[in-house]
Amino acid sequence: MTDAGQAAKVAAVKVAGKWTLERAIRMGQEAASLLTDVTIYTDGGCEPNPGAGGYGALVVCGNQTREISGGFQLTTNNRMEIFAAIAGLEALTAPSQVTLVSDSRYVVDSMTLSWAKRWRANGWWRTKKERAVNADLWERLLALCERHRVTFEWVKGHAGHEQNERCDVLAMKALKQPDLPADPGYVPRPEESPSAPAEQSLFSFL
């Protein structure tokens, strides 16, 4: 629950002052209005996939922009897309009102359609027979989204979007750096190998 949501909940159950639910909601809205507006643009990628991976993020607040990037020696494209969102949100030092822009349907749909929340509620099982992939990163991202008010937006990649293109440059530059660290959460699946083709289907990796 966000800080603003917690304030509304506390107000709703307060008895001594006989606060109404309407007033509680208004308090939550006022708390939200005090949050700093931030826009985060993200991208991630691998060459090959799985393979060396990188992520990039632009954190924009007012007229200030911070660039963030990094990489791992062996990971997947989807993990780098999630990690880019994590890196951007972890750069914030206080609860914020965030618009997070990604070209990854995997990330945007998993968060906006509450798939990741459902997987967590089910003990990180996607179905009764199949575990959810990248649970370690989804856990971190969900926790950050409870600290901040985050709205996810999808943008088409490689389509001339200035900030998205910059994030792509950051990610590609990062994955080519020497002595990249290991991705501690990456566990190869049976069908994955360094020579495997790029992930073509969102649903095959949910």
N, C-alpha and C. Protein backbone atom coordinates (compact mmCIF):
# COMPACT_ATOMS: atom_id res chain seq x y z
N MET A 1 0.85 -1.19 0.00
CA MET A 1 0.00 0.00 0.00
C MET A 1 0.88 1.24 0.00
N THR A 2 0.53 2.23 -0.80
CA THR A 2 1.31 3.46 -0.86
C THR A 2 1.11 4.27 0.41
N ASP A 3 2.02 5.25 0.62
CA ASP A 3 1.89 6.11 1.79
C ASP A 3 0.56 6.85 1.77
N ALA A 4 0.13 7.31 0.59
CA ALA A 4 -1.14 8.02 0.49
C ALA A 4 -2.31 7.10 0.80
N GLY A 5 -2.22 5.87 0.31
CA GLY A 5 -3.28 4.91 0.58
C GLY A 5 -3.36 4.56 2.05
N GLN A 6 -2.20 4.46 2.71
CA GLN A 6 -2.17 4.17 4.14
C GLN A 6 -2.82 5.30 4.92
N ALA A 7 -2.58 6.53 4.51
CA ALA A 7 -3.17 7.67 5.21
C ALA A 7 -4.68 7.61 5.12
N ALA A 8 -5.19 7.25 3.95
CA ALA A 8 -6.64 7.15 3.77
C ALA A 8 -7.21 6.03 4.63
N LYS A 9 -6.50 4.92 4.71
CA LYS A 9 -6.98 3.79 5.50
C LYS A 9 -7.05 4.15 6.98
N VAL A 10 -5.99 4.81 7.48
CA VAL A 10 -5.96 5.20 8.88
C VAL A 10 -7.10 6.16 9.18
N ALA A 11 -7.32 7.11 8.29
CA ALA A 11 -8.38 8.08 8.52
C ALA A 11 -9.75 7.42 8.53
N ALA A 12 -9.94 6.41 7.70
CA ALA A 12 -11.23 5.76 7.58
C ALA A 12 -11.61 5.01 8.85
N VAL A 13 -10.61 4.51 9.58
CA VAL A 13 -10.92 3.71 10.76
C VAL A 13 -10.82 4.52 12.06
N LYS A 14 -10.45 5.78 11.96
CA LYS A 14 -10.33 6.59 13.17
C LYS A 14 -11.71 6.87 13.74
N VAL A 15 -11.89 6.59 15.02
CA VAL A 15 -13.20 6.71 15.64
C VAL A 15 -13.35 8.02 16.40
N ALA A 16 -12.32 8.41 17.16
CA ALA A 16 -12.45 9.55 18.06
C ALA A 16 -12.91 10.80 17.34
N GLY A 17 -12.37 11.05 16.16
CA GLY A 17 -12.75 12.25 15.44
C GLY A 17 -13.96 12.06 14.56
N LYS A 18 -14.48 10.85 14.48
CA LYS A 18 -15.65 10.52 13.66
C LYS A 18 -15.45 10.98 12.21
N TRP A 19 -14.27 10.65 11.67
CA TRP A 19 -14.00 11.02 10.29
C TRP A 19 -14.82 10.17 9.35
N THR A 20 -15.31 10.76 8.30
CA THR A 20 -16.09 10.02 7.32
C THR A 20 -15.17 9.44 6.27
N LEU A 21 -15.69 8.46 5.52
CA LEU A 21 -14.91 7.87 4.43
C LEU A 21 -14.57 8.93 3.39
N GLU A 22 -15.51 9.85 3.15
CA GLU A 22 -15.27 10.92 2.18
C GLU A 22 -14.06 11.75 2.59
N ARG A 23 -13.98 12.07 3.88
CA ARG A 23 -12.84 12.85 4.36
C ARG A 23 -11.56 12.05 4.26
N ALA A 24 -11.67 10.74 4.52
CA ALA A 24 -10.49 9.88 4.43
C ALA A 24 -9.96 9.86 3.01
N ILE A 25 -10.87 9.76 2.05
CA ILE A 25 -10.47 9.75 0.64
C ILE A 25 -9.81 11.07 0.28
N ARG A 26 -10.39 12.17 0.78
CA ARG A 26 -9.84 13.49 0.50
C ARG A 26 -8.43 13.62 1.07
N MET A 27 -8.21 13.06 2.26
CA MET A 27 -6.88 13.09 2.85
C MET A 27 -5.89 12.32 2.00
N GLY A 28 -6.34 11.17 1.47
CA GLY A 28 -5.46 10.39 0.61
C GLY A 28 -5.10 11.15 -0.64
N GLN A 29 -6.08 11.86 -1.21
CA GLN A 29 -5.82 12.65 -2.41
C GLN A 29 -4.87 13.80 -2.11
N GLU A 30 -5.03 14.42 -0.95
CA GLU A 30 -4.14 15.52 -0.58
C GLU A 30 -2.72 15.01 -0.37
N ALA A 31 -2.60 13.81 0.23
CA ALA A 31 -1.27 13.24 0.43
C ALA A 31 -0.61 12.95 -0.91
N ALA A 32 -1.42 12.44 -1.86
CA ALA A 32 -0.87 12.13 -3.18
C ALA A 32 -0.40 13.39 -3.89
N SER A 33 -1.11 14.49 -3.67
CA SER A 33 -0.74 15.74 -4.34
C SER A 33 0.59 16.28 -3.85
N LEU A 34 1.05 15.81 -2.70
CA LEU A 34 2.33 16.25 -2.15
C LEU A 34 3.50 15.46 -2.72
N LEU A 35 3.23 14.36 -3.42
CA LEU A 35 4.29 13.55 -3.98
C LEU A 35 4.92 14.25 -5.18
N THR A 36 6.22 14.07 -5.32
CA THR A 36 6.94 14.64 -6.45
C THR A 36 6.62 13.88 -7.72
N ASP A 37 6.36 14.61 -8.80
CA ASP A 37 6.09 13.98 -10.09
C ASP A 37 7.40 13.61 -10.77
N VAL A 38 7.51 12.35 -11.15
CA VAL A 38 8.72 11.83 -11.79
C VAL A 38 8.31 11.00 -13.00
N THR A 39 9.05 11.11 -14.08
CA THR A 39 8.87 10.23 -15.23
C THR A 39 10.13 9.41 -15.41
N ILE A 40 9.95 8.10 -15.55
CA ILE A 40 11.09 7.20 -15.74
C ILE A 40 10.92 6.47 -17.07
N TYR A 41 11.93 6.56 -17.91
CA TYR A 41 11.95 5.84 -19.18
C TYR A 41 12.94 4.70 -19.05
N THR A 42 12.57 3.51 -19.54
CA THR A 42 13.44 2.35 -19.34
C THR A 42 13.55 1.50 -20.61
N ASP A 43 14.65 0.75 -20.67
CA ASP A 43 14.82 -0.25 -21.72
C ASP A 43 15.88 -1.24 -21.27
N GLY A 44 15.80 -2.44 -21.83
CA GLY A 44 16.78 -3.46 -21.52
C GLY A 44 16.93 -4.39 -22.71
N GLY A 45 18.06 -5.09 -22.76
CA GLY A 45 18.26 -6.00 -23.88
C GLY A 45 19.43 -6.94 -23.66
N CYS A 46 19.54 -7.92 -24.54
CA CYS A 46 20.61 -8.91 -24.50
C CYS A 46 21.15 -9.16 -25.89
N GLU A 47 22.43 -9.51 -25.97
CA GLU A 47 23.05 -9.94 -27.21
C GLU A 47 24.02 -11.07 -26.89
N PRO A 48 23.70 -12.36 -27.27
CA PRO A 48 22.39 -12.83 -27.74
C PRO A 48 21.43 -12.94 -26.57
N ASN A 49 20.34 -13.62 -26.75
CA ASN A 49 19.35 -13.76 -25.68
C ASN A 49 19.01 -15.23 -25.48
N PRO A 50 19.41 -15.83 -24.35
CA PRO A 50 20.17 -15.28 -23.22
C PRO A 50 21.62 -14.96 -23.62
N GLY A 51 22.22 -14.08 -22.87
CA GLY A 51 23.59 -13.67 -23.12
C GLY A 51 23.93 -12.47 -22.28
N ALA A 52 24.94 -11.72 -22.71
CA ALA A 52 25.28 -10.49 -22.00
C ALA A 52 24.11 -9.52 -22.10
N GLY A 53 23.75 -8.95 -20.97
CA GLY A 53 22.58 -8.08 -20.95
C GLY A 53 22.86 -6.73 -20.33
N GLY A 54 22.07 -5.74 -20.76
CA GLY A 54 22.21 -4.40 -20.20
C GLY A 54 20.86 -3.74 -20.01
N TYR A 55 20.84 -2.74 -19.16
CA TYR A 55 19.61 -1.98 -18.92
C TYR A 55 19.96 -0.50 -18.88
N GLY A 56 18.98 0.32 -19.23
CA GLY A 56 19.15 1.76 -19.16
C GLY A 56 17.89 2.43 -18.69
N ALA A 57 18.04 3.53 -17.96
CA ALA A 57 16.88 4.26 -17.46
C ALA A 57 17.19 5.75 -17.43
N LEU A 58 16.19 6.54 -17.74
CA LEU A 58 16.26 7.99 -17.57
C LEU A 58 15.25 8.36 -16.49
N VAL A 59 15.71 9.03 -15.46
CA VAL A 59 14.84 9.50 -14.38
C VAL A 59 14.71 11.00 -14.52
N VAL A 60 13.50 11.46 -14.84
CA VAL A 60 13.27 12.87 -15.13
C VAL A 60 12.38 13.48 -14.05
N CYS A 61 12.89 14.54 -13.41
CA CYS A 61 12.14 15.26 -12.39
C CYS A 61 12.33 16.74 -12.65
N GLY A 62 11.26 17.40 -13.10
CA GLY A 62 11.38 18.80 -13.46
C GLY A 62 12.34 18.97 -14.63
N ASN A 63 13.34 19.82 -14.45
CA ASN A 63 14.32 20.02 -15.52
C ASN A 63 15.59 19.23 -15.30
N GLN A 64 15.53 18.28 -14.38
CA GLN A 64 16.70 17.45 -14.09
C GLN A 64 16.49 16.04 -14.63
N THR A 65 17.54 15.49 -15.24
CA THR A 65 17.50 14.13 -15.77
C THR A 65 18.72 13.36 -15.31
N ARG A 66 18.49 12.16 -14.80
CA ARG A 66 19.60 11.29 -14.38
C ARG A 66 19.60 10.05 -15.25
N GLU A 67 20.76 9.66 -15.74
CA GLU A 67 20.90 8.45 -16.54
C GLU A 67 21.46 7.32 -15.68
N ILE A 68 20.86 6.15 -15.82
CA ILE A 68 21.27 4.98 -15.05
C ILE A 68 21.46 3.82 -16.01
N SER A 69 22.53 3.05 -15.83
CA SER A 69 22.73 1.89 -16.68
C SER A 69 23.60 0.87 -15.97
N GLY A 70 23.56 -0.35 -16.49
CA GLY A 70 24.37 -1.42 -15.93
C GLY A 70 24.13 -2.68 -16.73
N GLY A 71 24.83 -3.75 -16.37
CA GLY A 71 24.66 -4.98 -17.13
C GLY A 71 25.13 -6.21 -16.38
N PHE A 72 24.89 -7.37 -16.98
CA PHE A 72 25.26 -8.65 -16.41
C PHE A 72 25.82 -9.53 -17.52
N GLN A 73 26.69 -10.45 -17.13
CA GLN A 73 27.38 -11.26 -18.13
C GLN A 73 26.49 -12.32 -18.76
N LEU A 74 25.47 -12.79 -18.05
CA LEU A 74 24.55 -13.78 -18.61
C LEU A 74 23.18 -13.60 -17.99
N THR A 75 22.22 -13.25 -18.82
CA THR A 75 20.86 -12.98 -18.35
C THR A 75 19.92 -13.07 -19.54
N THR A 76 18.70 -12.53 -19.41
CA THR A 76 17.75 -12.54 -20.52
C THR A 76 17.24 -11.14 -20.80
N ASN A 77 16.67 -10.98 -21.97
CA ASN A 77 16.08 -9.70 -22.36
C ASN A 77 15.00 -9.28 -21.37
N ASN A 78 14.11 -10.20 -21.02
CA ASN A 78 13.02 -9.86 -20.11
C ASN A 78 13.52 -9.46 -18.73
N ARG A 79 14.55 -10.12 -18.24
CA ARG A 79 15.09 -9.74 -16.94
C ARG A 79 15.66 -8.32 -16.99
N MET A 80 16.29 -7.97 -18.09
CA MET A 80 16.85 -6.62 -18.20
C MET A 80 15.75 -5.57 -18.32
N GLU A 81 14.64 -5.91 -18.95
CA GLU A 81 13.51 -4.98 -19.01
C GLU A 81 12.97 -4.71 -17.61
N ILE A 82 12.82 -5.76 -16.82
CA ILE A 82 12.32 -5.58 -15.44
C ILE A 82 13.35 -4.83 -14.62
N PHE A 83 14.62 -5.21 -14.78
CA PHE A 83 15.68 -4.59 -13.97
C PHE A 83 15.80 -3.11 -14.25
N ALA A 84 15.56 -2.70 -15.50
CA ALA A 84 15.61 -1.28 -15.83
C ALA A 84 14.57 -0.50 -15.02
N ALA A 85 13.37 -1.06 -14.90
CA ALA A 85 12.32 -0.42 -14.11
C ALA A 85 12.71 -0.36 -12.64
N ILE A 86 13.29 -1.43 -12.13
CA ILE A 86 13.74 -1.47 -10.74
C ILE A 86 14.81 -0.41 -10.50
N ALA A 87 15.79 -0.35 -11.39
CA ALA A 87 16.89 0.60 -11.22
C ALA A 87 16.38 2.04 -11.20
N GLY A 88 15.43 2.34 -12.06
CA GLY A 88 14.88 3.69 -12.08
C GLY A 88 14.16 4.04 -10.80
N LEU A 89 13.33 3.13 -10.32
CA LEU A 89 12.57 3.38 -9.10
C LEU A 89 13.47 3.40 -7.87
N GLU A 90 14.50 2.56 -7.86
CA GLU A 90 15.39 2.53 -6.70
C GLU A 90 16.24 3.80 -6.61
N ALA A 91 16.31 4.56 -7.68
CA ALA A 91 17.07 5.81 -7.65
C ALA A 91 16.33 6.91 -6.91
N LEU A 92 15.03 6.73 -6.67
CA LEU A 92 14.23 7.75 -5.99
C LEU A 92 14.44 7.66 -4.49
N THR A 93 14.66 8.79 -3.87
CA THR A 93 14.97 8.80 -2.44
C THR A 93 13.75 9.04 -1.56
N ALA A 94 12.60 9.35 -2.17
CA ALA A 94 11.38 9.59 -1.40
C ALA A 94 10.18 9.10 -2.21
N PRO A 95 9.08 8.75 -1.54
CA PRO A 95 7.89 8.32 -2.28
C PRO A 95 7.50 9.36 -3.32
N SER A 96 7.19 8.89 -4.52
CA SER A 96 6.93 9.80 -5.64
C SER A 96 5.75 9.34 -6.47
N GLN A 97 5.23 10.26 -7.24
CA GLN A 97 4.19 9.97 -8.23
C GLN A 97 4.93 9.72 -9.54
N VAL A 98 4.93 8.47 -10.00
CA VAL A 98 5.81 8.08 -11.10
C VAL A 98 5.01 7.62 -12.32
N THR A 99 5.42 8.11 -13.47
CA THR A 99 4.98 7.54 -14.74
C THR A 99 6.17 6.79 -15.30
N LEU A 100 6.05 5.48 -15.44
CA LEU A 100 7.15 4.66 -15.92
C LEU A 100 6.85 4.20 -17.34
N VAL A 101 7.70 4.60 -18.29
CA VAL A 101 7.47 4.36 -19.71
C VAL A 101 8.43 3.28 -20.19
N SER A 102 7.88 2.19 -20.73
CA SER A 102 8.68 1.05 -21.18
C SER A 102 8.18 0.57 -22.53
N ASP A 103 9.09 0.01 -23.32
CA ASP A 103 8.66 -0.60 -24.59
C ASP A 103 8.43 -2.10 -24.44
N SER A 104 8.42 -2.58 -23.20
CA SER A 104 8.23 -4.00 -22.93
C SER A 104 6.78 -4.29 -22.54
N ARG A 105 6.07 -4.98 -23.41
CA ARG A 105 4.72 -5.42 -23.06
C ARG A 105 4.77 -6.37 -21.87
N TYR A 106 5.82 -7.14 -21.79
CA TYR A 106 5.99 -8.08 -20.68
C TYR A 106 5.93 -7.34 -19.35
N VAL A 107 6.65 -6.23 -19.24
CA VAL A 107 6.67 -5.46 -18.00
C VAL A 107 5.35 -4.72 -17.80
N VAL A 108 4.93 -3.98 -18.81
CA VAL A 108 3.75 -3.13 -18.67
C VAL A 108 2.49 -3.96 -18.40
N ASP A 109 2.28 -5.02 -19.18
CA ASP A 109 1.07 -5.83 -18.98
C ASP A 109 1.11 -6.59 -17.66
N SER A 110 2.28 -7.09 -17.27
CA SER A 110 2.38 -7.83 -16.01
C SER A 110 2.03 -6.97 -14.82
N MET A 111 2.30 -5.67 -14.91
CA MET A 111 2.00 -4.77 -13.80
C MET A 111 0.60 -4.17 -13.91
N THR A 112 0.22 -3.70 -15.08
CA THR A 112 -1.08 -3.03 -15.20
C THR A 112 -2.24 -4.02 -15.14
N LEU A 113 -2.03 -5.24 -15.58
CA LEU A 113 -3.08 -6.26 -15.53
C LEU A 113 -3.00 -7.13 -14.27
N SER A 114 -2.08 -6.75 -13.37
CA SER A 114 -1.93 -7.41 -12.06
C SER A 114 -1.51 -8.87 -12.16
N TRP A 115 -0.88 -9.25 -13.27
CA TRP A 115 -0.38 -10.62 -13.36
C TRP A 115 0.66 -10.90 -12.28
N ALA A 116 1.61 -9.97 -12.12
CA ALA A 116 2.68 -10.18 -11.15
C ALA A 116 2.12 -10.30 -9.73
N LYS A 117 1.11 -9.48 -9.41
CA LYS A 117 0.49 -9.59 -8.08
C LYS A 117 -0.17 -10.95 -7.90
N ARG A 118 -0.81 -11.45 -8.95
CA ARG A 118 -1.46 -12.75 -8.86
C ARG A 118 -0.44 -13.87 -8.68
N TRP A 119 0.67 -13.78 -9.41
CA TRP A 119 1.71 -14.81 -9.25
C TRP A 119 2.25 -14.80 -7.82
N ARG A 120 2.45 -13.61 -7.27
CA ARG A 120 2.95 -13.53 -5.89
C ARG A 120 1.94 -14.12 -4.92
N ALA A 121 0.67 -13.79 -5.11
CA ALA A 121 -0.38 -14.32 -4.23
C ALA A 121 -0.46 -15.84 -4.30
N ASN A 122 -0.08 -16.39 -5.45
CA ASN A 122 -0.12 -17.85 -5.65
C ASN A 122 1.21 -18.51 -5.32
N GLY A 123 2.06 -17.81 -4.60
CA GLY A 123 3.34 -18.40 -4.23
C GLY A 123 4.30 -18.52 -5.39
N TRP A 124 4.16 -17.60 -6.37
CA TRP A 124 4.97 -17.55 -7.58
C TRP A 124 4.76 -18.75 -8.48
N TRP A 125 3.50 -19.19 -8.52
CA TRP A 125 3.07 -20.17 -9.53
C TRP A 125 2.21 -19.43 -10.55
N ARG A 126 2.58 -19.58 -11.83
CA ARG A 126 1.79 -18.95 -12.90
C ARG A 126 0.54 -19.77 -13.18
N THR A 127 0.69 -21.07 -13.19
CA THR A 127 -0.42 -22.01 -13.30
C THR A 127 -0.21 -23.08 -12.24
N LYS A 128 -1.09 -24.04 -12.20
CA LYS A 128 -0.96 -25.10 -11.21
C LYS A 128 0.28 -25.97 -11.46
N LYS A 129 0.79 -25.93 -12.69
CA LYS A 129 1.93 -26.79 -13.04
C LYS A 129 3.19 -26.01 -13.42
N GLU A 130 3.08 -24.71 -13.57
CA GLU A 130 4.22 -23.93 -14.07
C GLU A 130 4.50 -22.74 -13.16
N ARG A 131 5.75 -22.63 -12.74
CA ARG A 131 6.14 -21.53 -11.88
C ARG A 131 6.33 -20.26 -12.70
N ALA A 132 6.09 -19.13 -12.06
CA ALA A 132 6.32 -17.84 -12.70
C ALA A 132 7.82 -17.61 -12.85
N VAL A 133 8.21 -17.01 -13.94
CA VAL A 133 9.61 -16.74 -14.22
C VAL A 133 9.98 -15.35 -13.68
N ASN A 134 11.22 -15.20 -13.25
CA ASN A 134 11.76 -13.91 -12.78
C ASN A 134 11.10 -13.43 -11.49
N ALA A 135 10.73 -14.37 -10.63
CA ALA A 135 10.04 -14.02 -9.39
C ALA A 135 10.88 -13.08 -8.53
N ASP A 136 12.19 -13.24 -8.52
CA ASP A 136 13.04 -12.39 -7.70
C ASP A 136 12.93 -10.92 -8.09
N LEU A 137 12.85 -10.67 -9.39
CA LEU A 137 12.74 -9.29 -9.87
C LEU A 137 11.33 -8.74 -9.71
N TRP A 138 10.33 -9.57 -9.95
CA TRP A 138 8.95 -9.11 -9.76
C TRP A 138 8.72 -8.74 -8.29
N GLU A 139 9.30 -9.50 -7.38
CA GLU A 139 9.16 -9.20 -5.95
C GLU A 139 9.70 -7.82 -5.64
N ARG A 140 10.85 -7.49 -6.18
CA ARG A 140 11.45 -6.17 -5.96
C ARG A 140 10.62 -5.06 -6.59
N LEU A 141 10.14 -5.30 -7.80
CA LEU A 141 9.37 -4.27 -8.49
C LEU A 141 8.04 -4.02 -7.79
N LEU A 142 7.38 -5.06 -7.35
CA LEU A 142 6.12 -4.89 -6.63
C LEU A 142 6.32 -4.11 -5.34
N ALA A 143 7.40 -4.39 -4.63
CA ALA A 143 7.68 -3.67 -3.39
C ALA A 143 7.90 -2.18 -3.67
N LEU A 144 8.60 -1.87 -4.75
CA LEU A 144 8.82 -0.47 -5.10
C LEU A 144 7.52 0.23 -5.48
N CYS A 145 6.62 -0.52 -6.11
CA CYS A 145 5.33 0.06 -6.51
C CYS A 145 4.40 0.24 -5.32
N GLU A 146 4.72 -0.36 -4.20
CA GLU A 146 3.98 -0.12 -2.97
C GLU A 146 4.52 1.12 -2.25
N ARG A 147 5.76 1.44 -2.51
CA ARG A 147 6.37 2.66 -1.93
C ARG A 147 5.99 3.89 -2.75
N HIS A 148 5.92 3.74 -4.05
CA HIS A 148 5.60 4.85 -4.94
C HIS A 148 4.25 4.63 -5.60
N ARG A 149 3.66 5.71 -6.11
CA ARG A 149 2.46 5.60 -6.95
C ARG A 149 2.94 5.52 -8.40
N VAL A 150 2.84 4.35 -8.99
CA VAL A 150 3.44 4.14 -10.31
C VAL A 150 2.37 3.82 -11.34
N THR A 151 2.40 4.56 -12.43
CA THR A 151 1.56 4.28 -13.58
C THR A 151 2.48 3.83 -14.71
N PHE A 152 2.20 2.65 -15.27
CA PHE A 152 3.02 2.11 -16.34
C PHE A 152 2.41 2.47 -17.69
N GLU A 153 3.27 2.91 -18.61
CA GLU A 153 2.84 3.24 -19.96
C GLU A 153 3.74 2.52 -20.97
N TRP A 154 3.11 2.00 -22.02
CA TRP A 154 3.87 1.32 -23.07
C TRP A 154 4.13 2.27 -24.23
N VAL A 155 5.34 2.18 -24.77
CA VAL A 155 5.69 2.94 -25.96
C VAL A 155 6.35 1.96 -26.94
N LYS A 156 6.11 2.13 -28.21
CA LYS A 156 6.70 1.25 -29.21
C LYS A 156 8.20 1.49 -29.27
N GLY A 157 8.98 0.41 -29.21
CA GLY A 157 10.42 0.53 -29.26
C GLY A 157 10.94 0.75 -30.67
N HIS A 158 12.12 1.36 -30.76
CA HIS A 158 12.79 1.58 -32.05
C HIS A 158 11.88 2.31 -33.03
N ALA A 159 11.15 3.29 -32.50
CA ALA A 159 10.19 4.03 -33.34
C ALA A 159 10.44 5.53 -33.27
N GLY A 160 11.65 5.91 -32.87
CA GLY A 160 11.99 7.32 -32.86
C GLY A 160 11.64 8.07 -31.59
N HIS A 161 11.20 7.34 -30.54
CA HIS A 161 10.90 7.99 -29.27
C HIS A 161 12.22 8.38 -28.62
N GLU A 162 12.44 9.67 -28.43
CA GLU A 162 13.76 10.17 -28.01
C GLU A 162 14.28 9.51 -26.74
N GLN A 163 13.47 9.49 -25.70
CA GLN A 163 13.94 8.94 -24.42
C GLN A 163 14.11 7.42 -24.48
N ASN A 164 13.20 6.75 -25.19
CA ASN A 164 13.33 5.31 -25.33
C ASN A 164 14.59 4.95 -26.11
N GLU A 165 14.89 5.71 -27.15
CA GLU A 165 16.09 5.46 -27.94
C GLU A 165 17.34 5.68 -27.09
N ARG A 166 17.31 6.68 -26.23
CA ARG A 166 18.46 6.92 -25.36
C ARG A 166 18.65 5.77 -24.38
N CYS A 167 17.57 5.27 -23.83
CA CYS A 167 17.66 4.12 -22.92
C CYS A 167 18.24 2.90 -23.63
N ASP A 168 17.85 2.72 -24.89
CA ASP A 168 18.38 1.61 -25.67
C ASP A 168 19.89 1.75 -25.85
N VAL A 169 20.35 2.98 -26.14
CA VAL A 169 21.78 3.22 -26.28
C VAL A 169 22.51 2.90 -24.98
N LEU A 170 21.95 3.34 -23.86
CA LEU A 170 22.57 3.07 -22.56
C LEU A 170 22.66 1.56 -22.29
N ALA A 171 21.58 0.84 -22.60
CA ALA A 171 21.55 -0.60 -22.35
C ALA A 171 22.57 -1.34 -23.23
N MET A 172 22.61 -0.98 -24.51
CA MET A 172 23.53 -1.65 -25.42
C MET A 172 24.98 -1.35 -25.08
N LYS A 173 25.25 -0.13 -24.65
CA LYS A 173 26.60 0.23 -24.25
C LYS A 173 27.00 -0.53 -22.98
N ALA A 174 26.06 -0.67 -22.06
CA ALA A 174 26.36 -1.34 -20.79
C ALA A 174 26.68 -2.81 -20.98
N LEU A 175 25.95 -3.50 -21.87
CA LEU A 175 26.17 -4.94 -22.02
C LEU A 175 27.51 -5.26 -22.70
N LYS A 176 28.12 -4.25 -23.31
CA LYS A 176 29.39 -4.45 -23.99
C LYS A 176 30.59 -4.12 -23.10
N GLN A 177 30.32 -3.73 -21.86
CA GLN A 177 31.41 -3.41 -20.94
C GLN A 177 32.13 -4.68 -20.50
N PRO A 178 33.44 -4.59 -20.23
CA PRO A 178 34.17 -5.77 -19.77
C PRO A 178 33.86 -6.09 -18.31
N ASP A 179 34.11 -7.33 -17.94
CA ASP A 179 34.01 -7.77 -16.54
C ASP A 179 32.63 -7.49 -15.94
N LEU A 180 31.59 -7.80 -16.68
CA LEU A 180 30.24 -7.63 -16.15
C LEU A 180 30.01 -8.61 -15.00
N PRO A 181 29.23 -8.23 -14.00
CA PRO A 181 28.94 -9.15 -12.90
C PRO A 181 27.94 -10.22 -13.32
N ALA A 182 27.86 -11.26 -12.52
CA ALA A 182 26.87 -12.31 -12.76
C ALA A 182 25.50 -11.80 -12.33
N ASP A 183 24.48 -12.30 -12.98
CA ASP A 183 23.11 -12.03 -12.57
C ASP A 183 22.72 -13.12 -11.58
N PRO A 184 22.69 -12.82 -10.29
CA PRO A 184 22.49 -13.88 -9.28
C PRO A 184 21.13 -14.55 -9.36
N GLY A 185 20.16 -13.88 -9.97
CA GLY A 185 18.81 -14.46 -10.02
C GLY A 185 18.52 -15.23 -11.29
N TYR A 186 19.45 -15.21 -12.24
CA TYR A 186 19.19 -15.88 -13.51
C TYR A 186 19.44 -17.38 -13.38
N VAL A 187 18.41 -18.15 -13.67
CA VAL A 187 18.50 -19.62 -13.68
C VAL A 187 18.08 -20.08 -15.06
N PRO A 188 19.02 -20.63 -15.85
CA PRO A 188 18.66 -21.05 -17.22
C PRO A 188 17.54 -22.07 -17.22
N ARG A 189 16.61 -21.89 -18.12
CA ARG A 189 15.55 -22.86 -18.32
C ARG A 189 16.06 -23.91 -19.29
N PRO A 190 15.46 -25.10 -19.30
CA PRO A 190 15.95 -26.18 -20.17
C PRO A 190 16.08 -25.78 -21.63
N GLU A 191 15.16 -24.94 -22.10
CA GLU A 191 15.18 -24.58 -23.51
C GLU A 191 16.12 -23.43 -23.81
N GLU A 192 16.76 -22.84 -22.76
CA GLU A 192 17.61 -21.69 -22.96
C GLU A 192 19.07 -22.10 -23.07
N SER A 193 19.77 -21.45 -23.96
CA SER A 193 21.21 -21.60 -24.09
C SER A 193 21.73 -20.31 -24.69
N PRO A 194 23.03 -20.04 -24.58
CA PRO A 194 23.55 -18.79 -25.14
C PRO A 194 23.28 -18.64 -26.63
N SER A 195 23.00 -19.73 -27.32
CA SER A 195 22.75 -19.64 -28.76
C SER A 195 21.28 -19.68 -29.10
N ALA A 196 20.42 -19.66 -28.07
CA ALA A 196 18.98 -19.74 -28.30
C ALA A 196 18.50 -18.49 -29.02
N PRO A 197 17.44 -18.58 -29.84
CA PRO A 197 16.92 -17.39 -30.53
C PRO A 197 16.30 -16.42 -29.55
N ALA A 198 16.13 -15.21 -30.00
CA ALA A 198 15.53 -14.18 -29.15
C ALA A 198 14.12 -14.56 -28.77
N GLU A 199 13.67 -14.07 -27.59
CA GLU A 199 12.33 -14.37 -27.12
C GLU A 199 11.33 -13.75 -28.08
N GLN A 200 10.49 -14.57 -28.69
CA GLN A 200 9.53 -14.09 -29.67
C GLN A 200 8.16 -13.87 -29.06
N SER A 201 7.83 -14.65 -28.03
CA SER A 201 6.48 -14.59 -27.49
C SER A 201 6.50 -14.15 -26.05
N LEU A 202 5.69 -13.17 -25.74
CA LEU A 202 5.55 -12.73 -24.35
C LEU A 202 5.08 -13.88 -23.49
N PHE A 203 4.11 -14.63 -23.98
CA PHE A 203 3.46 -15.61 -23.14
C PHE A 203 4.33 -16.81 -22.83
N SER A 204 5.33 -17.10 -23.66
CA SER A 204 6.19 -18.24 -23.39
C SER A 204 7.11 -17.98 -22.22
N PHE A 205 7.22 -16.70 -21.78
CA PHE A 205 8.12 -16.38 -20.69
C PHE A 205 7.39 -15.80 -19.50
N LEU A 206 6.08 -15.90 -19.45
CA LEU A 206 5.33 -15.41 -18.29
C LEU A 206 5.50 -16.35 -17.12
